[in-house]
Each structure stands twice: as C-alpha cells, then as structure tokens.
Amino acid sequence: MSEVVSLLEAYDTDLFGSKAVGLGQALRDGLPVPPGVALAGAVVDAVASRDEQAIARVAEAALPLGTPLAVRSSAVDEDGAQASFAGQHLTLLNVTGPEELTSAVSEIWWSANSDSAITYRQRVGLFTRPSVGVVVQLLVDPDTAGVMFTQNPITGADELVIEASWGLGEAVVAGRVIPDHYRVQRDGAVLDRIPGRKDVAFRSLPEGGTFEEAVPSERVEVLCLGDEQLQQLSELADRCQSVYGAARDIEWAIADGTLYLLQCRAVTRAGP
C-alpha cells in the first residue's frame, strides 16, 4: 500500500491517522470536503529528516491540488473521544509552494514531538512515540467559518451549538474573537442567536501565511450567519452523524456560498 494517497484512498488509521481516514470517509460518503492527500507517519518522519526522495514524493502528490494549501496533523491516536490533542499539533494555513510544504510538514512533526505534546500524551495515558500522519488539502477562502457541536458540550442537550466568525476559522479556534453563538433544535428551529465581538478576521497573505485583518466597526457585532446558512449547517450535522456517529465536533467554512466540512471528530470527554 502506498504511504502517500489521495484522501479518497485513505482507509488505514494505523498508517494515516484518524483525521485523514475520517475525511476520506466523508469524501466517500459525498460530504463537502476540500480535496487533499494523506501522508503516512513514515513519510512525515522522512520529510522531517530531510529525505529528498520523500520530499519529492510529497510535492508531486500535492501538485494537482493547486495552491494555497492547508496542512494539518493526523496523528494515529489524535481526535479521539478521550484525547483530541486540540492546541498541541500544528495546523498551517496558506502554504503556497513545495519548499513551504516541506517546512510545514516538518513543523507539524516537531509539534507532535514537542515537550508539551508529549506531556499531554502522558497525561491522557499514551506513552508510545506518536506516529504523525499529515493531511494536505486545498485551502478554501471563507467569508465565514467556525465550529459546530452536534450535542451541547455544556448541558449534553440534543441540539446544535454553533460558533462563527468572519474569515478563516482560526479566529474562533485560537480564541482571538468572541464568536457569534447559536443554538439550533433538531427540527431546525433557532433557539439562540447571540452576537459576538468579531473585531479581527484571519485572512490569507498573497506570499503565504495568514494575518489578522481589522473588521470594520459596523460588522463587529453583526451576526455572520442567516437562516439559510444555519439550515445548511443543520443538514451537514445530520449527514456527519450518519457517517461518524453521535456527538461530533465539526469545523466548517462557507466560501462563495458553499459550505465545506474541514474536520469532524468526537467530542472529547472531560477527565475525572
């Protein structure tokens, strides 16, 4: 079996990690996932070691995707119900060329082997060296993005909880804004629409990487999702649960009116 495959061909969690395999399953089930490739842990190890053959294989596989790219970790034991590794393993956005891709894959390998990541692993009962797969995807340029839980993470209620902001979803994930907050019933009825304070938006730079753009004052507290978008997200939540199961933590983006699924993992259960 090849260790560099399209996401559609990523079946083996032991090789590619749960994130890559989960996104591959979503694509096979017709969910709106941006195209990408999956790199097995051994290939990521080789790229981090500056093996020229591995670097060339990765660059060749990513070439048909075009640019810009999003490069995300997909460690074998990442994104489970017991341990999400959220905030431990890097995601690098707006990667624009082969050299930048090599650097991004290497940085993700180092983030998974950092002192903080190893300490986190030990705290959740994982004592083996991580096998660090990587997902490389075409980066969408969203108008709005955020996270969605298919079960209320605070109360456990059977309802959607959605947080949204302008631009790339990193503003929400990294806690750089107070996002808009929505609660939606299973029948689509909206229970809450609470405007946040979205004074910055993460945007892509032409030369690669991202920057924080100041949001015009008149848009800072304007809700960034309307009824149509909330309905689309509700339908995506139902489809994700039919593929992955209940209690999902979803990252999503809306670009040019199209909703994309960026990640879907189990809601991490709190420890004792």
C-alpha atoms as a PDB file:
ATOM      1  CA  MET A   1       0.000   0.000   0.000  1.00  0.00           C
ATOM      2  CA  SER A   2       1.286   3.494  -0.859  1.00  0.00           C
ATOM      3  CA  GLU A   3       2.145   5.806   2.027  1.00  0.00           C
ATOM      4  CA  VAL A   4       1.097   8.916   0.045  1.00  0.00           C
ATOM      5  CA  VAL A   5      -2.507   8.703  -1.223  1.00  0.00           C
ATOM      6  CA  SER A   6      -5.474  10.904  -2.062  1.00  0.00           C
ATOM      7  CA  LEU A   7      -7.873  11.366   0.848  1.00  0.00           C
ATOM      8  CA  LEU A   8     -10.365   9.199  -1.037  1.00  0.00           C
ATOM      9  CA  GLU A   9      -7.896   6.309  -0.715  1.00  0.00           C
ATOM     10  CA  ALA A  10      -7.069   6.837   2.973  1.00  0.00           C
ATOM     11  CA  TYR A  11      -8.526   3.794   4.753  1.00  0.00           C
ATOM     12  CA  ASP A  12      -5.888   2.674   7.274  1.00  0.00           C
ATOM     13  CA  THR A  13      -5.880   4.595  10.565  1.00  0.00           C
ATOM     14  CA  ASP A  14      -2.621   2.935  11.635  1.00  0.00           C
ATOM     15  CA  LEU A  15      -0.931   4.455   8.586  1.00  0.00           C
ATOM     16  CA  PHE A  16      -2.635   7.795   8.057  1.00  0.00           C
ATOM     17  CA  GLY A  17      -4.272   8.691  11.382  1.00  0.00           C
ATOM     18  CA  SER A  18      -7.899   9.176  12.274  1.00  0.00           C
ATOM     19  CA  LYS A  19      -8.243  12.687  10.829  1.00  0.00           C
ATOM     20  CA  ALA A  20      -7.133  11.626   7.335  1.00  0.00           C
ATOM     21  CA  VAL A  21      -9.225   8.455   7.377  1.00  0.00           C
ATOM     22  CA  GLY A  22     -12.247  10.338   8.700  1.00  0.00           C
ATOM     23  CA  LEU A  23     -12.014  12.947   5.961  1.00  0.00           C
ATOM     24  CA  GLY A  24     -11.564  10.192   3.396  1.00  0.00           C
ATOM     25  CA  GLN A  25     -14.718   8.500   4.668  1.00  0.00           C
ATOM     26  CA  ALA A  26     -16.559  11.826   4.436  1.00  0.00           C
ATOM     27  CA  LEU A  27     -15.500  12.227   0.805  1.00  0.00           C
ATOM     28  CA  ARG A  28     -16.551   8.667   0.007  1.00  0.00           C
ATOM     29  CA  ASP A  29     -19.953   9.420   1.533  1.00  0.00           C
ATOM     30  CA  GLY A  30     -20.388  12.589  -0.506  1.00  0.00           C
ATOM     31  CA  LEU A  31     -19.753  15.167   2.204  1.00  0.00           C
ATOM     32  CA  PRO A  32     -18.363  18.543   1.033  1.00  0.00           C
ATOM     33  CA  VAL A  33     -14.684  18.132   1.940  1.00  0.00           C
ATOM     34  CA  PRO A  34     -11.959  20.064   0.032  1.00  0.00           C
ATOM     35  CA  PRO A  35      -9.704  17.714  -1.989  1.00  0.00           C
ATOM     36  CA  GLY A  36      -6.469  16.576  -0.407  1.00  0.00           C
ATOM     37  CA  VAL A  37      -3.806  13.938   0.115  1.00  0.00           C
ATOM     38  CA  ALA A  38      -2.844  11.868   3.162  1.00  0.00           C
ATOM     39  CA  LEU A  39       0.754  11.277   4.242  1.00  0.00           C
ATOM     40  CA  ALA A  40       1.609   8.265   6.385  1.00  0.00           C
ATOM     41  CA  GLY A  41       3.683   8.703   9.514  1.00  0.00           C
ATOM     42  CA  ALA A  42       6.766   7.103   7.957  1.00  0.00           C
ATOM     43  CA  VAL A  43       6.729   9.632   5.108  1.00  0.00           C
ATOM     44  CA  VAL A  44       6.333  12.523   7.547  1.00  0.00           C
ATOM     45  CA  ASP A  45       9.287  11.166   9.550  1.00  0.00           C
ATOM     46  CA  ALA A  46      11.347  11.077   6.349  1.00  0.00           C
ATOM     47  CA  VAL A  47      10.376  14.625   5.325  1.00  0.00           C
ATOM     48  CA  ALA A  48      11.274  15.892   8.806  1.00  0.00           C
ATOM     49  CA  SER A  49      14.644  14.157   8.358  1.00  0.00           C
ATOM     50  CA  ARG A  50      15.100  15.994   5.023  1.00  0.00           C
ATOM     51  CA  ASP A  51      14.995  12.822   2.921  1.00  0.00           C
ATOM     52  CA  GLU A  52      14.995  14.167  -0.643  1.00  0.00           C
ATOM     53  CA  GLN A  53      13.038  11.255  -2.115  1.00  0.00           C
ATOM     54  CA  ALA A  54      10.229  11.662   0.444  1.00  0.00           C
ATOM     55  CA  ILE A  55      10.166  15.428  -0.098  1.00  0.00           C
ATOM     56  CA  ALA A  56       9.806  14.909  -3.859  1.00  0.00           C
ATOM     57  CA  ARG A  57       7.006  12.336  -3.398  1.00  0.00           C
ATOM     58  CA  VAL A  58       5.011  14.714  -1.207  1.00  0.00           C
ATOM     59  CA  ALA A  59       5.493  17.664  -3.581  1.00  0.00           C
ATOM     60  CA  GLU A  60       4.421  15.552  -6.572  1.00  0.00           C
ATOM     61  CA  ALA A  61       1.294  14.275  -4.774  1.00  0.00           C
ATOM     62  CA  ALA A  62       0.248  17.780  -3.701  1.00  0.00           C
ATOM     63  CA  LEU A  63       0.855  19.426  -7.089  1.00  0.00           C
ATOM     64  CA  PRO A  64      -2.591  18.558  -8.611  1.00  0.00           C
ATOM     65  CA  LEU A  65      -4.331  20.243  -5.651  1.00  0.00           C
ATOM     66  CA  GLY A  66      -3.031  23.652  -6.624  1.00  0.00           C
ATOM     67  CA  THR A  67      -2.498  26.346  -4.011  1.00  0.00           C
ATOM     68  CA  PRO A  68      -2.935  27.653  -1.399  1.00  0.00           C
ATOM     69  CA  LEU A  69      -2.889  24.647   0.915  1.00  0.00           C
ATOM     70  CA  ALA A  70      -3.908  23.792   4.470  1.00  0.00           C
ATOM     71  CA  VAL A  71      -1.539  21.358   6.190  1.00  0.00           C
ATOM     72  CA  ARG A  72      -2.884  19.594   9.303  1.00  0.00           C
ATOM     73  CA  SER A  73      -1.641  16.911  11.669  1.00  0.00           C
ATOM     74  CA  SER A  74      -3.267  13.466  11.623  1.00  0.00           C
ATOM     75  CA  ALA A  75      -1.526  11.502  14.352  1.00  0.00           C
ATOM     76  CA  VAL A  76      -2.676   7.900  14.742  1.00  0.00           C
ATOM     77  CA  ASP A  77      -4.189   8.484  18.204  1.00  0.00           C
ATOM     78  CA  GLU A  78      -5.412  12.043  17.578  1.00  0.00           C
ATOM     79  CA  ASP A  79      -9.032  13.273  17.559  1.00  0.00           C
ATOM     80  CA  GLY A  80     -10.479  10.517  19.734  1.00  0.00           C
ATOM     81  CA  ALA A  81     -13.152  10.859  22.393  1.00  0.00           C
ATOM     82  CA  GLN A  82     -10.525  10.598  25.146  1.00  0.00           C
ATOM     83  CA  ALA A  83      -7.852  12.853  23.635  1.00  0.00           C
ATOM     84  CA  SER A  84      -8.317  15.404  20.849  1.00  0.00           C
ATOM     85  CA  PHE A  85      -4.805  16.965  21.005  1.00  0.00           C
ATOM     86  CA  ALA A  86      -6.511  20.283  20.257  1.00  0.00           C
ATOM     87  CA  GLY A  87      -3.887  23.028  20.513  1.00  0.00           C
ATOM     88  CA  GLN A  88      -0.994  20.537  20.660  1.00  0.00           C
ATOM     89  CA  HIS A  89      -0.398  19.691  16.992  1.00  0.00           C
ATOM     90  CA  LEU A  90       0.022  22.450  14.430  1.00  0.00           C
ATOM     91  CA  THR A  91      -2.246  23.409  11.575  1.00  0.00           C
ATOM     92  CA  LEU A  92      -0.549  25.610   8.959  1.00  0.00           C
ATOM     93  CA  LEU A  93      -2.680  27.594   6.522  1.00  0.00           C
ATOM     94  CA  ASN A  94      -1.962  29.273   3.175  1.00  0.00           C
ATOM     95  CA  VAL A  95       1.058  27.133   2.286  1.00  0.00           C
ATOM     96  CA  THR A  96       1.981  28.250  -1.215  1.00  0.00           C
ATOM     97  CA  GLY A  97       4.790  26.121  -2.692  1.00  0.00           C
ATOM     98  CA  PRO A  98       6.931  22.960  -2.449  1.00  0.00           C
ATOM     99  CA  GLU A  99       9.536  24.446  -0.089  1.00  0.00           C
ATOM    100  CA  GLU A 100       6.835  25.844   2.167  1.00  0.00           C
ATOM    101  CA  LEU A 101       5.071  22.477   2.126  1.00  0.00           C
ATOM    102  CA  THR A 102       8.241  20.681   3.230  1.00  0.00           C
ATOM    103  CA  SER A 103       8.669  23.179   6.057  1.00  0.00           C
ATOM    104  CA  ALA A 104       5.015  22.826   7.099  1.00  0.00           C
ATOM    105  CA  VAL A 105       5.175  19.013   7.254  1.00  0.00           C
ATOM    106  CA  SER A 106       8.394  19.242   9.296  1.00  0.00           C
ATOM    107  CA  GLU A 107       6.894  21.791  11.697  1.00  0.00           C
ATOM    108  CA  ILE A 108       3.897  19.546  12.303  1.00  0.00           C
ATOM    109  CA  TRP A 109       6.220  16.604  13.043  1.00  0.00           C
ATOM    110  CA  TRP A 110       8.104  18.726  15.572  1.00  0.00           C
ATOM    111  CA  SER A 111       4.891  19.995  17.181  1.00  0.00           C
ATOM    112  CA  ALA A 112       3.742  16.412  17.767  1.00  0.00           C
ATOM    113  CA  ASN A 113       7.102  15.577  19.336  1.00  0.00           C
ATOM    114  CA  SER A 114       7.371  18.741  21.459  1.00  0.00           C
ATOM    115  CA  ASP A 115       7.634  18.633  25.239  1.00  0.00           C
ATOM    116  CA  SER A 116       4.090  19.960  25.634  1.00  0.00           C
ATOM    117  CA  ALA A 117       2.611  17.358  23.253  1.00  0.00           C
ATOM    118  CA  ILE A 118       4.496  14.504  24.934  1.00  0.00           C
ATOM    119  CA  THR A 119       3.360  15.742  28.363  1.00  0.00           C
ATOM    120  CA  TYR A 120      -0.234  15.853  27.092  1.00  0.00           C
ATOM    121  CA  ARG A 121       0.099  12.308  25.755  1.00  0.00           C
ATOM    122  CA  GLN A 122       1.323  11.041  29.109  1.00  0.00           C
ATOM    123  CA  ARG A 123      -1.454  12.875  30.947  1.00  0.00           C
ATOM    124  CA  VAL A 124      -4.097  11.040  28.878  1.00  0.00           C
ATOM    125  CA  GLY A 125      -2.335   7.675  29.260  1.00  0.00           C
ATOM    126  CA  LEU A 126      -0.426   7.459  25.971  1.00  0.00           C
ATOM    127  CA  PHE A 127       3.206   6.500  26.442  1.00  0.00           C
ATOM    128  CA  THR A 128       4.336   5.423  22.963  1.00  0.00           C
ATOM    129  CA  ARG A 129       6.097   7.618  20.419  1.00  0.00           C
ATOM    130  CA  PRO A 130       3.493   9.243  18.131  1.00  0.00           C
ATOM    131  CA  SER A 131       3.091   8.214  14.511  1.00  0.00           C
ATOM    132  CA  VAL A 132       2.387  11.570  12.892  1.00  0.00           C
ATOM    133  CA  GLY A 133       0.385  11.455   9.678  1.00  0.00           C
ATOM    134  CA  VAL A 134      -0.399  14.677   7.838  1.00  0.00           C
ATOM    135  CA  VAL A 135      -3.339  15.886   5.739  1.00  0.00           C
ATOM    136  CA  VAL A 136      -2.635  18.322   2.882  1.00  0.00           C
ATOM    137  CA  GLN A 137      -5.753  19.995   1.456  1.00  0.00           C
ATOM    138  CA  LEU A 138      -6.695  22.816  -0.843  1.00  0.00           C
ATOM    139  CA  LEU A 139      -7.407  25.828   1.376  1.00  0.00           C
ATOM    140  CA  VAL A 140     -10.777  27.499   0.916  1.00  0.00           C
ATOM    141  CA  ASP A 141     -11.020  31.278   1.372  1.00  0.00           C
ATOM    142  CA  PRO A 142     -14.105  31.585   3.567  1.00  0.00           C
ATOM    143  CA  ASP A 143     -16.399  34.511   4.182  1.00  0.00           C
ATOM    144  CA  THR A 144     -17.442  32.859   7.459  1.00  0.00           C
ATOM    145  CA  ALA A 145     -16.132  29.886   9.423  1.00  0.00           C
ATOM    146  CA  GLY A 146     -16.305  28.280  12.825  1.00  0.00           C
ATOM    147  CA  VAL A 147     -17.136  25.214  14.864  1.00  0.00           C
ATOM    148  CA  MET A 148     -20.305  23.226  15.480  1.00  0.00           C
ATOM    149  CA  PHE A 149     -21.189  20.641  18.128  1.00  0.00           C
ATOM    150  CA  THR A 150     -23.966  18.167  17.368  1.00  0.00           C
ATOM    151  CA  GLN A 151     -24.624  17.842  21.110  1.00  0.00           C
ATOM    152  CA  ASN A 152     -24.476  20.727  23.562  1.00  0.00           C
ATOM    153  CA  PRO A 153     -20.983  20.332  25.111  1.00  0.00           C
ATOM    154  CA  ILE A 154     -22.059  22.029  28.359  1.00  0.00           C
ATOM    155  CA  THR A 155     -25.516  20.615  29.077  1.00  0.00           C
ATOM    156  CA  GLY A 156     -25.491  17.467  26.936  1.00  0.00           C
ATOM    157  CA  ALA A 157     -28.780  18.560  25.309  1.00  0.00           C
ATOM    158  CA  ASP A 158     -29.658  17.104  21.900  1.00  0.00           C
ATOM    159  CA  GLU A 159     -29.214  20.363  19.996  1.00  0.00           C
ATOM    160  CA  LEU A 160     -26.640  22.049  17.780  1.00  0.00           C
ATOM    161  CA  VAL A 161     -24.263  24.622  19.223  1.00  0.00           C
ATOM    162  CA  ILE A 162     -22.591  26.770  16.563  1.00  0.00           C
ATOM    163  CA  GLU A 163     -19.879  29.400  16.943  1.00  0.00           C
ATOM    164  CA  ALA A 164     -18.992  31.555  13.941  1.00  0.00           C
ATOM    165  CA  SER A 165     -16.833  34.482  12.887  1.00  0.00           C
ATOM    166  CA  TRP A 166     -15.654  36.291   9.762  1.00  0.00           C
ATOM    167  CA  GLY A 167     -12.776  34.882   7.701  1.00  0.00           C
ATOM    168  CA  LEU A 168     -10.772  31.757   8.461  1.00  0.00           C
ATOM    169  CA  GLY A 169     -11.904  29.645  11.398  1.00  0.00           C
ATOM    170  CA  GLU A 170      -8.593  30.093  13.231  1.00  0.00           C
ATOM    171  CA  ALA A 171     -10.041  33.234  14.833  1.00  0.00           C
ATOM    172  CA  VAL A 172     -12.580  31.019  16.630  1.00  0.00           C
ATOM    173  CA  VAL A 173     -10.314  28.020  17.280  1.00  0.00           C
ATOM    174  CA  ALA A 174      -7.493  30.197  18.629  1.00  0.00           C
ATOM    175  CA  GLY A 175      -9.845  32.271  20.798  1.00  0.00           C
ATOM    176  CA  ARG A 176      -8.968  35.568  19.091  1.00  0.00           C
ATOM    177  CA  VAL A 177     -12.599  36.722  18.944  1.00  0.00           C
ATOM    178  CA  ILE A 178     -15.816  36.330  20.860  1.00  0.00           C
ATOM    179  CA  PRO A 179     -17.739  34.430  18.154  1.00  0.00           C
ATOM    180  CA  ASP A 180     -21.411  34.581  17.380  1.00  0.00           C
ATOM    181  CA  HIS A 181     -23.234  31.866  19.333  1.00  0.00           C
ATOM    182  CA  TYR A 182     -26.241  29.901  18.052  1.00  0.00           C
ATOM    183  CA  ARG A 183     -28.356  27.070  19.457  1.00  0.00           C
ATOM    184  CA  VAL A 184     -30.469  25.148  16.956  1.00  0.00           C
ATOM    185  CA  GLN A 185     -33.039  22.426  17.628  1.00  0.00           C
ATOM    186  CA  ARG A 186     -33.061  19.174  15.668  1.00  0.00           C
ATOM    187  CA  ASP A 187     -36.108  20.369  13.707  1.00  0.00           C
ATOM    188  CA  GLY A 188     -34.152  23.446  12.595  1.00  0.00           C
ATOM    189  CA  ALA A 189     -35.762  25.939  14.962  1.00  0.00           C
ATOM    190  CA  VAL A 190     -33.242  28.514  16.186  1.00  0.00           C
ATOM    191  CA  LEU A 191     -33.224  28.801  19.989  1.00  0.00           C
ATOM    192  CA  ASP A 192     -30.491  31.429  20.416  1.00  0.00           C
ATOM    193  CA  ARG A 193     -28.696  33.968  18.222  1.00  0.00           C
ATOM    194  CA  ILE A 194     -26.165  35.834  20.342  1.00  0.00           C
ATOM    195  CA  PRO A 195     -23.881  38.281  18.528  1.00  0.00           C
ATOM    196  CA  GLY A 196     -20.223  38.100  19.457  1.00  0.00           C
ATOM    197  CA  ARG A 197     -17.493  40.679  19.150  1.00  0.00           C
ATOM    198  CA  LYS A 198     -15.601  39.767  15.993  1.00  0.00           C
ATOM    199  CA  ASP A 199     -13.086  42.614  15.706  1.00  0.00           C
ATOM    200  CA  VAL A 200     -10.447  40.666  13.740  1.00  0.00           C
ATOM    201  CA  ALA A 201     -10.606  38.184  10.862  1.00  0.00           C
ATOM    202  CA  PHE A 202      -7.816  35.832   9.809  1.00  0.00           C
ATOM    203  CA  ARG A 203      -7.039  36.230   6.093  1.00  0.00           C
ATOM    204  CA  SER A 204      -4.529  34.686   3.682  1.00  0.00           C
ATOM    205  CA  LEU A 205      -1.460  36.624   2.567  1.00  0.00           C
ATOM    206  CA  PRO A 206      -0.501  36.513  -1.140  1.00  0.00           C
ATOM    207  CA  GLU A 207       3.028  35.342  -0.264  1.00  0.00           C
ATOM    208  CA  GLY A 208       1.792  32.646   2.139  1.00  0.00           C
ATOM    209  CA  GLY A 209       0.731  32.526   5.756  1.00  0.00           C
ATOM    210  CA  THR A 210      -2.077  34.490   7.378  1.00  0.00           C
ATOM    211  CA  PHE A 211      -2.618  37.837   9.045  1.00  0.00           C
ATOM    212  CA  GLU A 212      -5.203  39.407  11.321  1.00  0.00           C
ATOM    213  CA  GLU A 213      -7.339  41.938   9.486  1.00  0.00           C
ATOM    214  CA  ALA A 214      -9.284  44.523  11.462  1.00  0.00           C
ATOM    215  CA  VAL A 215     -13.037  44.086  10.918  1.00  0.00           C
ATOM    216  CA  PRO A 216     -14.934  47.320  10.112  1.00  0.00           C
ATOM    217  CA  SER A 217     -16.661  48.581  13.247  1.00  0.00           C
ATOM    218  CA  GLU A 218     -20.132  48.266  11.703  1.00  0.00           C
ATOM    219  CA  ARG A 219     -19.606  44.493  11.221  1.00  0.00           C
ATOM    220  CA  VAL A 220     -18.011  43.634  14.570  1.00  0.00           C
ATOM    221  CA  GLU A 221     -21.306  42.768  16.296  1.00  0.00           C
ATOM    222  CA  VAL A 222     -23.386  41.869  13.213  1.00  0.00           C
ATOM    223  CA  LEU A 223     -24.466  38.219  13.112  1.00  0.00           C
ATOM    224  CA  CYS A 224     -22.496  36.441  10.376  1.00  0.00           C
ATOM    225  CA  LEU A 225     -24.964  33.576   9.781  1.00  0.00           C
ATOM    226  CA  GLY A 226     -28.510  33.853   8.498  1.00  0.00           C
ATOM    227  CA  ASP A 227     -31.340  31.330   8.380  1.00  0.00           C
ATOM    228  CA  GLU A 228     -30.145  29.766   5.112  1.00  0.00           C
ATOM    229  CA  GLN A 229     -26.630  29.162   6.439  1.00  0.00           C
ATOM    230  CA  LEU A 230     -27.970  27.762   9.731  1.00  0.00           C
ATOM    231  CA  GLN A 231     -30.171  25.365   7.765  1.00  0.00           C
ATOM    232  CA  GLN A 232     -27.153  24.236   5.715  1.00  0.00           C
ATOM    233  CA  LEU A 233     -25.181  23.637   8.910  1.00  0.00           C
ATOM    234  CA  SER A 234     -28.074  21.685  10.433  1.00  0.00           C
ATOM    235  CA  GLU A 235     -28.177  19.445   7.353  1.00  0.00           C
ATOM    236  CA  LEU A 236     -24.393  18.985   7.496  1.00  0.00           C
ATOM    237  CA  ALA A 237     -24.638  17.980  11.166  1.00  0.00           C
ATOM    238  CA  ASP A 238     -27.221  15.306  10.314  1.00  0.00           C
ATOM    239  CA  ARG A 239     -25.049  13.957   7.492  1.00  0.00           C
ATOM    240  CA  CYS A 240     -21.940  13.911   9.693  1.00  0.00           C
ATOM    241  CA  GLN A 241     -23.742  11.985  12.410  1.00  0.00           C
ATOM    242  CA  SER A 242     -24.989   9.449   9.874  1.00  0.00           C
ATOM    243  CA  VAL A 243     -21.376   8.858   8.759  1.00  0.00           C
ATOM    244  CA  TYR A 244     -19.429   9.218  12.011  1.00  0.00           C
ATOM    245  CA  GLY A 245     -21.964   8.703  14.810  1.00  0.00           C
ATOM    246  CA  ALA A 246     -23.374  10.968  17.516  1.00  0.00           C
ATOM    247  CA  ALA A 247     -21.709  13.771  19.489  1.00  0.00           C
ATOM    248  CA  ARG A 248     -19.440  15.347  16.861  1.00  0.00           C
ATOM    249  CA  ASP A 249     -17.152  18.373  16.994  1.00  0.00           C
ATOM    250  CA  ILE A 250     -17.143  19.873  13.483  1.00  0.00           C
ATOM    251  CA  GLU A 251     -15.022  22.586  11.883  1.00  0.00           C
ATOM    252  CA  TRP A 252     -16.643  24.199   8.847  1.00  0.00           C
ATOM    253  CA  ALA A 253     -16.265  27.111   6.431  1.00  0.00           C
ATOM    254  CA  ILE A 254     -18.525  28.916   3.954  1.00  0.00           C
ATOM    255  CA  ALA A 255     -16.841  30.296   0.826  1.00  0.00           C
ATOM    256  CA  ASP A 256     -18.753  31.881  -2.069  1.00  0.00           C
ATOM    257  CA  GLY A 257     -21.990  30.441  -0.724  1.00  0.00           C
ATOM    258  CA  THR A 258     -20.675  26.855  -0.496  1.00  0.00           C
ATOM    259  CA  LEU A 259     -20.415  25.076   2.861  1.00  0.00           C
ATOM    260  CA  TYR A 260     -17.308  22.920   3.433  1.00  0.00           C
ATOM    261  CA  LEU A 261     -16.524  20.341   6.096  1.00  0.00           C
ATOM    262  CA  LEU A 262     -12.949  20.820   7.335  1.00  0.00           C
ATOM    263  CA  GLN A 263     -12.854  18.413  10.271  1.00  0.00           C
ATOM    264  CA  CYS A 264     -15.190  16.126  12.205  1.00  0.00           C
ATOM    265  CA  ARG A 265     -14.052  14.460  15.406  1.00  0.00           C
ATOM    266  CA  ALA A 266     -15.659  13.000  18.503  1.00  0.00           C
ATOM    267  CA  VAL A 267     -16.469  15.477  21.255  1.00  0.00           C
ATOM    268  CA  THR A 268     -13.642  14.978  23.755  1.00  0.00           C
ATOM    269  CA  ARG A 269     -14.927  13.773  27.103  1.00  0.00           C
ATOM    270  CA  ALA A 270     -13.714  15.603  30.144  1.00  0.00           C
ATOM    271  CA  GLY A 271     -11.499  13.666  32.510  1.00  0.00           C
ATOM    272  CA  PRO A 272     -12.430  12.764  36.094  1.00  0.00           C
END
